C-alpha atoms as a PDB file:
ATOM      1  CA  MET A   1     -34.776  -7.024  27.135  1.00  0.00           C
ATOM      2  CA  THR A   2     -31.302  -7.585  28.620  1.00  0.00           C
ATOM      3  CA  ILE A   3     -31.366  -4.072  30.126  1.00  0.00           C
ATOM      4  CA  PHE A   4     -34.755  -4.832  31.695  1.00  0.00           C
ATOM      5  CA  ILE A   5     -33.427  -8.097  33.194  1.00  0.00           C
ATOM      6  CA  SER A   6     -30.342  -6.272  34.475  1.00  0.00           C
ATOM      7  CA  LEU A   7     -32.457  -3.627  36.199  1.00  0.00           C
ATOM      8  CA  ILE A   8     -34.708  -6.293  37.738  1.00  0.00           C
ATOM      9  CA  VAL A   9     -31.695  -8.205  39.115  1.00  0.00           C
ATOM     10  CA  PHE A  10     -30.075  -5.075  40.525  1.00  0.00           C
ATOM     11  CA  GLY A  11     -33.389  -3.911  41.975  1.00  0.00           C
ATOM     12  CA  VAL A  12     -34.085  -7.242  43.712  1.00  0.00           C
ATOM     13  CA  ILE A  13     -30.616  -7.263  45.305  1.00  0.00           C
ATOM     14  CA  VAL A  14     -31.055  -3.710  46.605  1.00  0.00           C
ATOM     15  CA  LEU A  15     -34.609  -4.542  47.723  1.00  0.00           C
ATOM     16  CA  PHE A  16     -33.365  -7.440  49.877  1.00  0.00           C
ATOM     17  CA  HIS A  17     -30.635  -5.265  51.402  1.00  0.00           C
ATOM     18  CA  GLU A  18     -32.992  -2.446  52.336  1.00  0.00           C
ATOM     19  CA  PHE A  19     -35.687  -4.874  53.473  1.00  0.00           C
ATOM     20  CA  GLY A  20     -33.176  -6.229  56.012  1.00  0.00           C
ATOM     21  CA  HIS A  21     -32.764  -2.750  57.494  1.00  0.00           C
ATOM     22  CA  PHE A  22     -36.504  -2.101  57.268  1.00  0.00           C
ATOM     23  CA  ILE A  23     -37.784  -5.261  58.936  1.00  0.00           C
ATOM     24  CA  VAL A  24     -35.414  -4.994  61.920  1.00  0.00           C
ATOM     25  CA  ALA A  25     -36.166  -1.268  62.270  1.00  0.00           C
ATOM     26  CA  LYS A  26     -39.875  -2.076  62.425  1.00  0.00           C
ATOM     27  CA  ALA A  27     -39.259  -4.957  64.839  1.00  0.00           C
ATOM     28  CA  THR A  28     -37.411  -2.634  67.231  1.00  0.00           C
ATOM     29  CA  GLY A  29     -40.102   0.058  66.996  1.00  0.00           C
ATOM     30  CA  VAL A  30     -38.225   2.621  64.904  1.00  0.00           C
ATOM     31  CA  LYS A  31     -40.359   4.953  62.794  1.00  0.00           C
ATOM     32  CA  VAL A  32     -39.464   4.551  59.096  1.00  0.00           C
ATOM     33  CA  HIS A  33     -40.482   7.513  56.946  1.00  0.00           C
ATOM     34  CA  GLU A  34     -39.416   6.127  53.565  1.00  0.00           C
ATOM     35  CA  PHE A  35     -38.368   2.868  51.920  1.00  0.00           C
ATOM     36  CA  ALA A  36     -36.662   3.779  48.630  1.00  0.00           C
ATOM     37  CA  ILE A  37     -35.262   1.730  45.767  1.00  0.00           C
ATOM     38  CA  GLY A  38     -32.982   3.840  43.563  1.00  0.00           C
ATOM     39  CA  MET A  39     -31.776   7.413  43.905  1.00  0.00           C
ATOM     40  CA  GLY A  40     -32.839  10.789  42.526  1.00  0.00           C
ATOM     41  CA  PRO A  41     -36.364  11.932  41.586  1.00  0.00           C
ATOM     42  CA  LYS A  42     -39.352   9.707  42.350  1.00  0.00           C
ATOM     43  CA  ILE A  43     -40.991   7.786  39.516  1.00  0.00           C
ATOM     44  CA  PHE A  44     -43.415   5.901  41.760  1.00  0.00           C
ATOM     45  CA  SER A  45     -44.673   6.492  45.283  1.00  0.00           C
ATOM     46  CA  ARG A  46     -47.176   4.825  47.576  1.00  0.00           C
ATOM     47  CA  LYS A  47     -47.980   5.828  51.142  1.00  0.00           C
ATOM     48  CA  GLY A  48     -48.454   3.113  53.739  1.00  0.00           C
ATOM     49  CA  VAL A  49     -49.631   3.548  57.327  1.00  0.00           C
ATOM     50  CA  GLU A  50     -46.532   5.563  58.231  1.00  0.00           C
ATOM     51  CA  THR A  51     -43.955   4.644  55.574  1.00  0.00           C
ATOM     52  CA  GLU A  52     -43.756   5.981  52.025  1.00  0.00           C
ATOM     53  CA  TYR A  53     -42.569   3.371  49.502  1.00  0.00           C
ATOM     54  CA  THR A  54     -40.777   4.945  46.539  1.00  0.00           C
ATOM     55  CA  LEU A  55     -39.086   3.913  43.315  1.00  0.00           C
ATOM     56  CA  ARG A  56     -36.512   6.430  42.106  1.00  0.00           C
ATOM     57  CA  VAL A  57     -35.040   7.048  38.695  1.00  0.00           C
ATOM     58  CA  LEU A  58     -31.360   6.132  39.179  1.00  0.00           C
ATOM     59  CA  PRO A  59     -30.653   2.415  39.835  1.00  0.00           C
ATOM     60  CA  LEU A  60     -27.662   3.223  42.051  1.00  0.00           C
ATOM     61  CA  GLY A  61     -28.843   1.704  45.316  1.00  0.00           C
ATOM     62  CA  GLY A  62     -31.560   2.456  47.818  1.00  0.00           C
ATOM     63  CA  TYR A  63     -32.190   3.495  51.406  1.00  0.00           C
ATOM     64  CA  ILE A  64     -34.627   3.622  54.281  1.00  0.00           C
ATOM     65  CA  ARG A  65     -35.121   6.996  55.951  1.00  0.00           C
ATOM     66  CA  MET A  66     -35.630   6.598  59.695  1.00  0.00           C
ATOM     67  CA  GLU A  67     -36.632   9.129  62.323  1.00  0.00           C
ATOM     68  CA  GLY A  68     -33.539  10.444  64.126  1.00  0.00           C
ATOM     69  CA  GLU A  69     -30.990   8.622  61.982  1.00  0.00           C
ATOM     70  CA  ASP A  70     -28.757  11.568  61.069  1.00  0.00           C
ATOM     71  CA  ALA A  71     -30.159  14.293  63.306  1.00  0.00           C
ATOM     72  CA  SER A  72     -31.321  14.768  66.882  1.00  0.00           C
ATOM     73  CA  SER A  73     -34.915  13.762  67.611  1.00  0.00           C
ATOM     74  CA  ASP A  74     -36.995  13.607  70.787  1.00  0.00           C
ATOM     75  CA  ASP A  75     -39.409  11.087  69.280  1.00  0.00           C
ATOM     76  CA  PRO A  76     -39.290   7.914  71.459  1.00  0.00           C
ATOM     77  CA  ARG A  77     -39.476   5.886  68.245  1.00  0.00           C
ATOM     78  CA  SER A  78     -36.426   7.548  66.713  1.00  0.00           C
ATOM     79  CA  PHE A  79     -33.354   5.559  65.706  1.00  0.00           C
ATOM     80  CA  ASN A  80     -31.092   7.477  68.086  1.00  0.00           C
ATOM     81  CA  LYS A  81     -33.272   6.560  71.080  1.00  0.00           C
ATOM     82  CA  LYS A  82     -32.632   2.846  70.626  1.00  0.00           C
ATOM     83  CA  SER A  83     -29.886   0.889  72.400  1.00  0.00           C
ATOM     84  CA  VAL A  84     -26.522   0.207  70.755  1.00  0.00           C
ATOM     85  CA  PRO A  85     -27.369  -3.491  70.103  1.00  0.00           C
ATOM     86  CA  GLU A  86     -30.722  -2.534  68.539  1.00  0.00           C
ATOM     87  CA  ARG A  87     -29.136   0.072  66.267  1.00  0.00           C
ATOM     88  CA  ALA A  88     -26.327  -2.330  65.344  1.00  0.00           C
ATOM     89  CA  GLY A  89     -28.936  -4.968  64.491  1.00  0.00           C
ATOM     90  CA  ILE A  90     -30.759  -2.563  62.171  1.00  0.00           C
ATOM     91  CA  ILE A  91     -27.526  -1.599  60.407  1.00  0.00           C
ATOM     92  CA  LEU A  92     -26.134  -5.125  60.049  1.00  0.00           C
ATOM     93  CA  ALA A  93     -29.445  -6.580  58.850  1.00  0.00           C
ATOM     94  CA  GLY A  94     -28.891  -5.179  55.335  1.00  0.00           C
ATOM     95  CA  PRO A  95     -25.596  -6.976  54.602  1.00  0.00           C
ATOM     96  CA  ILE A  96     -26.869 -10.108  56.364  1.00  0.00           C
ATOM     97  CA  MET A  97     -29.880 -10.191  54.024  1.00  0.00           C
ATOM     98  CA  ASN A  98     -27.482  -9.998  51.064  1.00  0.00           C
ATOM     99  CA  PHE A  99     -25.587 -13.024  52.364  1.00  0.00           C
ATOM    100  CA  ILE A 100     -28.853 -14.921  52.914  1.00  0.00           C
ATOM    101  CA  LEU A 101     -29.996 -14.043  49.385  1.00  0.00           C
ATOM    102  CA  SER A 102     -26.706 -15.326  47.939  1.00  0.00           C
ATOM    103  CA  ILE A 103     -27.003 -18.629  49.797  1.00  0.00           C
ATOM    104  CA  ALA A 104     -30.610 -18.985  48.593  1.00  0.00           C
ATOM    105  CA  LEU A 105     -29.647 -18.289  44.968  1.00  0.00           C
ATOM    106  CA  PHE A 106     -26.731 -20.721  44.970  1.00  0.00           C
ATOM    107  CA  THR A 107     -28.969 -23.318  46.634  1.00  0.00           C
ATOM    108  CA  PHE A 108     -31.507 -22.826  43.832  1.00  0.00           C
ATOM    109  CA  ILE A 109     -28.760 -23.417  41.266  1.00  0.00           C
ATOM    110  CA  PHE A 110     -27.582 -26.634  42.923  1.00  0.00           C
ATOM    111  CA  VAL A 111     -31.158 -27.877  43.289  1.00  0.00           C
ATOM    112  CA  SER A 112     -31.671 -27.207  39.564  1.00  0.00           C
ATOM    113  CA  ILE A 113     -28.500 -28.810  38.198  1.00  0.00           C
ATOM    114  CA  GLY A 114     -27.783 -31.260  41.000  1.00  0.00           C
ATOM    115  CA  VAL A 115     -24.906 -31.520  43.456  1.00  0.00           C
ATOM    116  CA  PRO A 116     -21.831 -33.561  42.453  1.00  0.00           C
ATOM    117  CA  THR A 117     -21.414 -36.618  44.696  1.00  0.00           C
ATOM    118  CA  THR A 118     -18.535 -39.016  45.346  1.00  0.00           C
ATOM    119  CA  VAL A 119     -20.149 -41.651  43.102  1.00  0.00           C
ATOM    120  CA  ILE A 120     -18.571 -41.984  39.647  1.00  0.00           C
ATOM    121  CA  LYS A 121     -21.076 -41.334  36.850  1.00  0.00           C
ATOM    122  CA  SER A 122     -18.656 -42.201  34.050  1.00  0.00           C
ATOM    123  CA  THR A 123     -14.976 -42.448  33.194  1.00  0.00           C
ATOM    124  CA  ILE A 124     -13.329 -40.720  30.232  1.00  0.00           C
ATOM    125  CA  GLU A 125     -11.780 -42.734  27.436  1.00  0.00           C
ATOM    126  CA  ASN A 126      -7.954 -42.840  27.310  1.00  0.00           C
ATOM    127  CA  ARG A 127      -7.674 -41.441  30.831  1.00  0.00           C
ATOM    128  CA  PRO A 128      -6.027 -43.147  33.845  1.00  0.00           C
ATOM    129  CA  ALA A 129      -9.274 -43.940  35.711  1.00  0.00           C
ATOM    130  CA  ARG A 130     -10.691 -46.093  32.911  1.00  0.00           C
ATOM    131  CA  GLU A 131      -7.337 -47.706  32.176  1.00  0.00           C
ATOM    132  CA  VAL A 132      -6.902 -49.010  35.752  1.00  0.00           C
ATOM    133  CA  GLY A 133     -10.479 -50.314  35.973  1.00  0.00           C
ATOM    134  CA  LEU A 134     -12.545 -47.688  37.818  1.00  0.00           C
ATOM    135  CA  GLN A 135     -16.194 -47.935  36.762  1.00  0.00           C
ATOM    136  CA  ALA A 136     -19.454 -46.017  36.743  1.00  0.00           C
ATOM    137  CA  GLY A 137     -21.252 -46.565  40.052  1.00  0.00           C
ATOM    138  CA  ASP A 138     -18.067 -46.793  42.124  1.00  0.00           C
ATOM    139  CA  LYS A 139     -18.293 -44.714  45.310  1.00  0.00           C
ATOM    140  CA  ILE A 140     -14.976 -43.122  46.260  1.00  0.00           C
ATOM    141  CA  VAL A 141     -14.403 -43.544  50.006  1.00  0.00           C
ATOM    142  CA  GLU A 142     -10.657 -42.883  50.393  1.00  0.00           C
ATOM    143  CA  ILE A 143      -7.783 -41.283  48.501  1.00  0.00           C
ATOM    144  CA  ASP A 144      -4.290 -41.896  49.881  1.00  0.00           C
ATOM    145  CA  GLN A 145      -5.790 -43.122  53.175  1.00  0.00           C
ATOM    146  CA  SER A 146      -7.764 -39.863  53.592  1.00  0.00           C
ATOM    147  CA  LYS A 147     -11.534 -40.175  54.083  1.00  0.00           C
ATOM    148  CA  ILE A 148     -13.584 -38.702  51.235  1.00  0.00           C
ATOM    149  CA  LYS A 149     -16.929 -37.092  52.074  1.00  0.00           C
ATOM    150  CA  THR A 150     -17.566 -34.623  49.228  1.00  0.00           C
ATOM    151  CA  TRP A 151     -16.696 -34.139  45.564  1.00  0.00           C
ATOM    152  CA  GLU A 152     -14.536 -31.184  46.634  1.00  0.00           C
ATOM    153  CA  ASP A 153     -12.457 -33.634  48.672  1.00  0.00           C
ATOM    154  CA  VAL A 154     -11.926 -35.685  45.508  1.00  0.00           C
ATOM    155  CA  ILE A 155     -10.938 -32.634  43.452  1.00  0.00           C
ATOM    156  CA  ASN A 156      -8.516 -31.367  46.091  1.00  0.00           C
ATOM    157  CA  LYS A 157      -6.809 -34.704  46.735  1.00  0.00           C
ATOM    158  CA  ILE A 158      -6.346 -35.462  43.033  1.00  0.00           C
ATOM    159  CA  GLY A 159      -5.631 -31.871  42.016  1.00  0.00           C
ATOM    160  CA  ASN A 160      -2.790 -31.541  44.517  1.00  0.00           C
ATOM    161  CA  SER A 161      -0.996 -34.617  43.148  1.00  0.00           C
ATOM    162  CA  PRO A 162       0.109 -33.794  39.567  1.00  0.00           C
ATOM    163  CA  GLY A 163       1.998 -36.633  37.896  1.00  0.00           C
ATOM    164  CA  LYS A 164       1.916 -38.755  41.058  1.00  0.00           C
ATOM    165  CA  ASP A 165       0.589 -42.203  41.899  1.00  0.00           C
ATOM    166  CA  ILE A 166      -2.418 -42.041  44.199  1.00  0.00           C
ATOM    167  CA  SER A 167      -4.354 -44.792  45.957  1.00  0.00           C
ATOM    168  CA  ILE A 168      -8.126 -44.697  45.473  1.00  0.00           C
ATOM    169  CA  LYS A 169     -10.433 -46.914  47.533  1.00  0.00           C
ATOM    170  CA  VAL A 170     -13.947 -47.369  46.157  1.00  0.00           C
ATOM    171  CA  LYS A 171     -17.079 -49.213  47.228  1.00  0.00           C
ATOM    172  CA  ARG A 172     -18.589 -51.410  44.507  1.00  0.00           C
ATOM    173  CA  ASN A 173     -21.548 -53.681  45.253  1.00  0.00           C
ATOM    174  CA  ASP A 174     -20.732 -53.745  48.997  1.00  0.00           C
ATOM    175  CA  GLU A 175     -17.113 -54.629  48.195  1.00  0.00           C
ATOM    176  CA  LEU A 176     -14.137 -52.344  48.916  1.00  0.00           C
ATOM    177  CA  LEU A 177     -11.574 -52.184  46.108  1.00  0.00           C
ATOM    178  CA  THR A 178      -8.308 -50.236  45.916  1.00  0.00           C
ATOM    179  CA  TYR A 179      -6.733 -48.898  42.715  1.00  0.00           C
ATOM    180  CA  ASN A 180      -3.391 -47.196  42.153  1.00  0.00           C
ATOM    181  CA  VAL A 181      -3.745 -44.405  39.601  1.00  0.00           C
ATOM    182  CA  ARG A 182      -1.141 -42.041  38.153  1.00  0.00           C
ATOM    183  CA  THR A 183      -2.602 -38.573  37.598  1.00  0.00           C
ATOM    184  CA  ILE A 184      -2.084 -36.555  34.422  1.00  0.00           C
ATOM    185  CA  GLU A 185      -2.075 -32.785  34.035  1.00  0.00           C
ATOM    186  CA  GLU A 186      -4.741 -30.916  32.065  1.00  0.00           C
ATOM    187  CA  ASN A 187      -5.115 -27.130  32.047  1.00  0.00           C
ATOM    188  CA  GLY A 188      -2.609 -26.836  34.876  1.00  0.00           C
ATOM    189  CA  ARG A 189      -4.413 -29.273  37.179  1.00  0.00           C
ATOM    190  CA  ALA A 190      -4.036 -32.973  37.933  1.00  0.00           C
ATOM    191  CA  VAL A 191      -6.914 -35.207  36.768  1.00  0.00           C
ATOM    192  CA  ILE A 192      -7.643 -38.914  36.315  1.00  0.00           C
ATOM    193  CA  GLY A 193     -10.699 -38.677  34.032  1.00  0.00           C
ATOM    194  CA  ILE A 194     -13.802 -39.228  36.159  1.00  0.00           C
ATOM    195  CA  ILE A 195     -17.191 -37.489  36.044  1.00  0.00           C
ATOM    196  CA  PRO A 196     -19.309 -37.403  39.230  1.00  0.00           C
ATOM    197  CA  LYS A 197     -22.912 -38.483  39.548  1.00  0.00           C
ATOM    198  CA  GLU A 198     -25.158 -35.574  40.501  1.00  0.00           C
ATOM    199  CA  GLU A 199     -27.911 -35.651  43.098  1.00  0.00           C
ATOM    200  CA  LYS A 200     -30.844 -33.255  43.462  1.00  0.00           C
ATOM    201  CA  ASN A 201     -31.183 -32.919  47.216  1.00  0.00           C
ATOM    202  CA  ILE A 202     -32.336 -29.698  48.904  1.00  0.00           C
ATOM    203  CA  LEU A 203     -30.253 -30.173  52.068  1.00  0.00           C
ATOM    204  CA  LEU A 204     -27.144 -31.075  50.086  1.00  0.00           C
ATOM    205  CA  ALA A 205     -27.781 -28.125  47.768  1.00  0.00           C
ATOM    206  CA  LEU A 206     -28.104 -25.819  50.792  1.00  0.00           C
ATOM    207  CA  ARG A 207     -24.765 -27.028  52.151  1.00  0.00           C
ATOM    208  CA  TYR A 208     -23.088 -26.515  48.787  1.00  0.00           C
ATOM    209  CA  GLY A 209     -24.712 -23.087  48.485  1.00  0.00           C
ATOM    210  CA  PHE A 210     -23.277 -22.079  51.857  1.00  0.00           C
ATOM    211  CA  GLN A 211     -19.849 -23.465  50.940  1.00  0.00           C
ATOM    212  CA  ARG A 212     -19.881 -21.557  47.644  1.00  0.00           C
ATOM    213  CA  VAL A 213     -20.650 -18.308  49.492  1.00  0.00           C
ATOM    214  CA  ILE A 214     -17.726 -18.876  51.887  1.00  0.00           C
ATOM    215  CA  TYR A 215     -15.406 -19.658  48.962  1.00  0.00           C
ATOM    216  CA  ILE A 216     -16.379 -16.517  47.024  1.00  0.00           C
ATOM    217  CA  LEU A 217     -16.227 -14.318  50.132  1.00  0.00           C
ATOM    218  CA  ASN A 218     -12.671 -15.518  50.699  1.00  0.00           C
ATOM    219  CA  ASP A 219     -11.745 -14.499  47.136  1.00  0.00           C
ATOM    220  CA  MET A 220     -13.408 -11.100  47.626  1.00  0.00           C
ATOM    221  CA  ILE A 221     -11.490 -10.450  50.840  1.00  0.00           C
ATOM    222  CA  LEU A 222      -8.221 -11.328  49.085  1.00  0.00           C
ATOM    223  CA  PHE A 223      -9.150  -8.900  46.286  1.00  0.00           C
ATOM    224  CA  LEU A 224      -9.893  -6.147  48.809  1.00  0.00           C
ATOM    225  CA  GLY A 225      -6.443  -6.744  50.262  1.00  0.00           C
ATOM    226  CA  ARG A 226      -4.922  -6.269  46.801  1.00  0.00           C
ATOM    227  CA  ALA A 227      -7.021  -3.157  46.204  1.00  0.00           C
ATOM    228  CA  ILE A 228      -6.015  -1.554  49.513  1.00  0.00           C
ATOM    229  CA  SER A 229      -2.334  -2.283  48.845  1.00  0.00           C
ATOM    230  CA  GLY A 230      -2.611  -0.843  45.322  1.00  0.00           C
ATOM    231  CA  ARG A 231      -2.023  -4.185  43.571  1.00  0.00           C
ATOM    232  CA  ALA A 232      -5.490  -4.379  41.973  1.00  0.00           C
ATOM    233  CA  SER A 233      -6.156  -3.014  38.496  1.00  0.00           C
ATOM    234  CA  SER A 234      -9.001  -0.568  37.839  1.00  0.00           C
ATOM    235  CA  SER A 235     -10.163  -2.978  35.117  1.00  0.00           C
ATOM    236  CA  GLU A 236     -11.090  -5.438  37.897  1.00  0.00           C
ATOM    237  CA  ILE A 237     -13.617  -2.972  39.349  1.00  0.00           C
ATOM    238  CA  ALA A 238     -17.100  -2.477  37.911  1.00  0.00           C
ATOM    239  CA  GLY A 239     -19.729   0.127  38.740  1.00  0.00           C
ATOM    240  CA  PRO A 240     -23.497   0.001  38.137  1.00  0.00           C
ATOM    241  CA  VAL A 241     -23.147   0.306  34.347  1.00  0.00           C
ATOM    242  CA  GLY A 242     -20.520  -2.433  34.237  1.00  0.00           C
ATOM    243  CA  ILE A 243     -22.625  -4.680  36.457  1.00  0.00           C
ATOM    244  CA  LEU A 244     -25.744  -4.119  34.346  1.00  0.00           C
ATOM    245  CA  ASN A 245     -23.691  -4.990  31.260  1.00  0.00           C
ATOM    246  CA  LEU A 246     -22.434  -8.211  32.894  1.00  0.00           C
ATOM    247  CA  VAL A 247     -25.976  -9.230  33.841  1.00  0.00           C
ATOM    248  CA  GLY A 248     -27.091  -8.525  30.273  1.00  0.00           C
ATOM    249  CA  GLN A 249     -24.348 -10.773  28.908  1.00  0.00           C
ATOM    250  CA  ALA A 250     -25.271 -13.515  31.394  1.00  0.00           C
ATOM    251  CA  ALA A 251     -28.940 -13.249  30.373  1.00  0.00           C
ATOM    252  CA  GLU A 252     -27.974 -14.194  26.817  1.00  0.00           C
ATOM    253  CA  THR A 253     -26.435 -17.482  28.013  1.00  0.00           C
ATOM    254  CA  GLY A 254     -29.172 -18.754  30.332  1.00  0.00           C
ATOM    255  CA  ILE A 255     -31.187 -18.030  33.459  1.00  0.00           C
ATOM    256  CA  LEU A 256     -28.890 -19.993  35.785  1.00  0.00           C
ATOM    257  CA  ASN A 257     -25.953 -17.794  34.772  1.00  0.00           C
ATOM    258  CA  VAL A 258     -28.035 -14.734  35.672  1.00  0.00           C
ATOM    259  CA  VAL A 259     -28.904 -16.282  39.044  1.00  0.00           C
ATOM    260  CA  SER A 260     -25.239 -17.125  39.687  1.00  0.00           C
ATOM    261  CA  LEU A 261     -24.103 -13.600  38.830  1.00  0.00           C
ATOM    262  CA  ALA A 262     -26.889 -12.129  40.990  1.00  0.00           C
ATOM    263  CA  ALA A 263     -25.639 -14.219  43.924  1.00  0.00           C
ATOM    264  CA  VAL A 264     -22.098 -12.894  43.439  1.00  0.00           C
ATOM    265  CA  ILE A 265     -23.305  -9.281  43.125  1.00  0.00           C
ATOM    266  CA  SER A 266     -25.377  -9.657  46.295  1.00  0.00           C
ATOM    267  CA  LEU A 267     -22.303 -10.951  48.128  1.00  0.00           C
ATOM    268  CA  ASN A 268     -20.292  -7.994  46.856  1.00  0.00           C
ATOM    269  CA  LEU A 269     -22.920  -5.547  48.069  1.00  0.00           C
ATOM    270  CA  GLY A 270     -23.085  -7.182  51.483  1.00  0.00           C
ATOM    271  CA  LEU A 271     -19.316  -7.295  51.973  1.00  0.00           C
ATOM    272  CA  LEU A 272     -18.620  -3.785  50.664  1.00  0.00           C
ATOM    273  CA  ASN A 273     -21.293  -2.340  52.944  1.00  0.00           C
ATOM    274  CA  LEU A 274     -19.424  -3.752  55.941  1.00  0.00           C
ATOM    275  CA  LEU A 275     -16.321  -1.695  55.138  1.00  0.00           C
ATOM    276  CA  PRO A 276     -15.736   1.182  57.624  1.00  0.00           C
ATOM    277  CA  ILE A 277     -16.195   3.852  54.952  1.00  0.00           C
ATOM    278  CA  PRO A 278     -18.404   6.870  55.787  1.00  0.00           C
ATOM    279  CA  ALA A 279     -21.979   6.480  54.451  1.00  0.00           C
ATOM    280  CA  LEU A 280     -21.669   2.677  54.386  1.00  0.00           C
ATOM    281  CA  ASP A 281     -23.113   0.352  57.026  1.00  0.00           C
ATOM    282  CA  GLY A 282     -19.650  -0.573  58.290  1.00  0.00           C
ATOM    283  CA  SER A 283     -18.852   2.998  59.290  1.00  0.00           C
ATOM    284  CA  ARG A 284     -22.154   3.312  61.154  1.00  0.00           C
ATOM    285  CA  VAL A 285     -21.290   0.187  63.136  1.00  0.00           C
ATOM    286  CA  LEU A 286     -17.849   1.675  63.823  1.00  0.00           C
ATOM    287  CA  PHE A 287     -19.492   4.801  65.276  1.00  0.00           C
ATOM    288  CA  LEU A 288     -21.625   2.559  67.510  1.00  0.00           C
ATOM    289  CA  ILE A 289     -18.517   0.726  68.740  1.00  0.00           C
ATOM    290  CA  VAL A 290     -16.900   4.072  69.599  1.00  0.00           C
ATOM    291  CA  GLU A 291     -20.093   5.113  71.402  1.00  0.00           C
ATOM    292  CA  ALA A 292     -20.131   1.882  73.419  1.00  0.00           C
ATOM    293  CA  LEU A 293     -16.458   2.266  74.383  1.00  0.00           C
ATOM    294  CA  ARG A 294     -16.739   5.903  75.485  1.00  0.00           C
ATOM    295  CA  GLY A 295     -20.147   5.422  77.121  1.00  0.00           C
ATOM    296  CA  LYS A 296     -21.527   8.506  75.437  1.00  0.00           C
ATOM    297  CA  LYS A 297     -23.525   9.091  72.282  1.00  0.00           C
ATOM    298  CA  ILE A 298     -21.886  10.810  69.334  1.00  0.00           C
ATOM    299  CA  ASP A 299     -23.712  13.927  68.143  1.00  0.00           C
ATOM    300  CA  PRO A 300     -26.054  12.617  65.388  1.00  0.00           C
ATOM    301  CA  GLU A 301     -25.629  15.802  63.349  1.00  0.00           C
ATOM    302  CA  LYS A 302     -21.823  15.520  63.389  1.00  0.00           C
ATOM    303  CA  GLU A 303     -22.019  11.849  62.473  1.00  0.00           C
ATOM    304  CA  GLY A 304     -24.493  12.738  59.730  1.00  0.00           C
ATOM    305  CA  THR A 305     -22.038  15.291  58.336  1.00  0.00           C
ATOM    306  CA  VAL A 306     -19.310  12.637  58.187  1.00  0.00           C
ATOM    307  CA  HIS A 307     -21.639  10.266  56.340  1.00  0.00           C
ATOM    308  CA  LEU A 308     -22.697  13.055  53.958  1.00  0.00           C
ATOM    309  CA  ILE A 309     -19.072  13.759  53.069  1.00  0.00           C
ATOM    310  CA  GLY A 310     -18.517  10.036  52.590  1.00  0.00           C
ATOM    311  CA  PHE A 311     -21.593   9.816  50.372  1.00  0.00           C
ATOM    312  CA  VAL A 312     -20.347  12.660  48.160  1.00  0.00           C
ATOM    313  CA  LEU A 313     -16.942  10.980  47.831  1.00  0.00           C
ATOM    314  CA  LEU A 314     -18.585   7.636  47.018  1.00  0.00           C
ATOM    315  CA  MET A 315     -20.756   9.264  44.356  1.00  0.00           C
ATOM    316  CA  THR A 316     -17.639  10.889  42.880  1.00  0.00           C
ATOM    317  CA  LEU A 317     -15.948   7.492  42.785  1.00  0.00           C
ATOM    318  CA  MET A 318     -19.122   6.013  41.276  1.00  0.00           C
ATOM    319  CA  ILE A 319     -19.039   8.584  38.461  1.00  0.00           C
ATOM    320  CA  PHE A 320     -15.384   7.750  37.747  1.00  0.00           C
ATOM    321  CA  VAL A 321     -16.027   3.990  37.741  1.00  0.00           C
ATOM    322  CA  THR A 322     -19.122   4.472  35.557  1.00  0.00           C
ATOM    323  CA  TYR A 323     -17.032   6.485  33.091  1.00  0.00           C
ATOM    324  CA  LYS A 324     -14.491   3.635  32.958  1.00  0.00           C
ATOM    325  CA  ASP A 325     -17.354   1.129  32.515  1.00  0.00           C
ATOM    326  CA  ILE A 326     -18.713   3.054  29.526  1.00  0.00           C
ATOM    327  CA  LEU A 327     -15.255   3.269  27.932  1.00  0.00           C
ATOM    328  CA  ARG A 328     -14.810  -0.509  28.312  1.00  0.00           C
ATOM    329  CA  ILE A 329     -18.230  -1.198  26.771  1.00  0.00           C
ATOM    330  CA  ILE A 330     -17.552   1.151  23.836  1.00  0.00           C
ATOM    331  CA  LYS A 331     -14.208  -0.515  23.166  1.00  0.00           C
END
């Protein structure tokens, strides 16, 4: 069952990515021969008006096959006949759809569990907040003369003041009260012992979903920096088998954990596809930038050869990472 859930999650993420390419290609009039989920031999195929929709045996990604994408074509509806902005839009639509999917999934999570607010739900026994008189229902409006708008503001202001006295202004029954609280350290972070009230609000959940995506993207970019400089361990990298295993583990702990992991995987797919590596979307955009700068199209067949070489190298890397994934699972 966990394998089935893992395949569904991976398939949906790839589906959204390829649908981004597909819908913009159709909108710009490009002829799409095939919309494929997976790689290798077909296990399902259905022919539309002009596009064949296929499901393939290996859950390693997907693709859309467009007229004139990697070879010369005189068809007016071919990819290579479109303008640079139109082609860039088609290419970038895949990663953008992954980012949109991640925001939607995180928004769903926050709608389900509620978004933490600046109103105190409860205070913890034998912690500074309760000892100084903070109460459930108090709305935190200022900490050390800094305006507080979100629960993240509260966490950051308190968390950056370990073992220090802080001034907290709260609103209680239309009255503003100020308390001086000395923080304590727990698990390496300063706390005062308050639990926030949660609110189920779609707009607030959407904002938190967007903020979570930005936060995770920042962490991913920092990791890429470590990987490029050789400071990242191979144990921090997972291939399809490792990802399927992670989704399976998440499925055993609850649906929201699966949704959260799916959002992170979708972000990973979107960001990695923007890297200027041959066969990835980022390299195709790079070729378009070069074309725009030189004012002349690059030979599609030569560009296709570069992407083919890149694809072979990526598949080789995928095999290596998959091998490492299997070893980790066995151990």
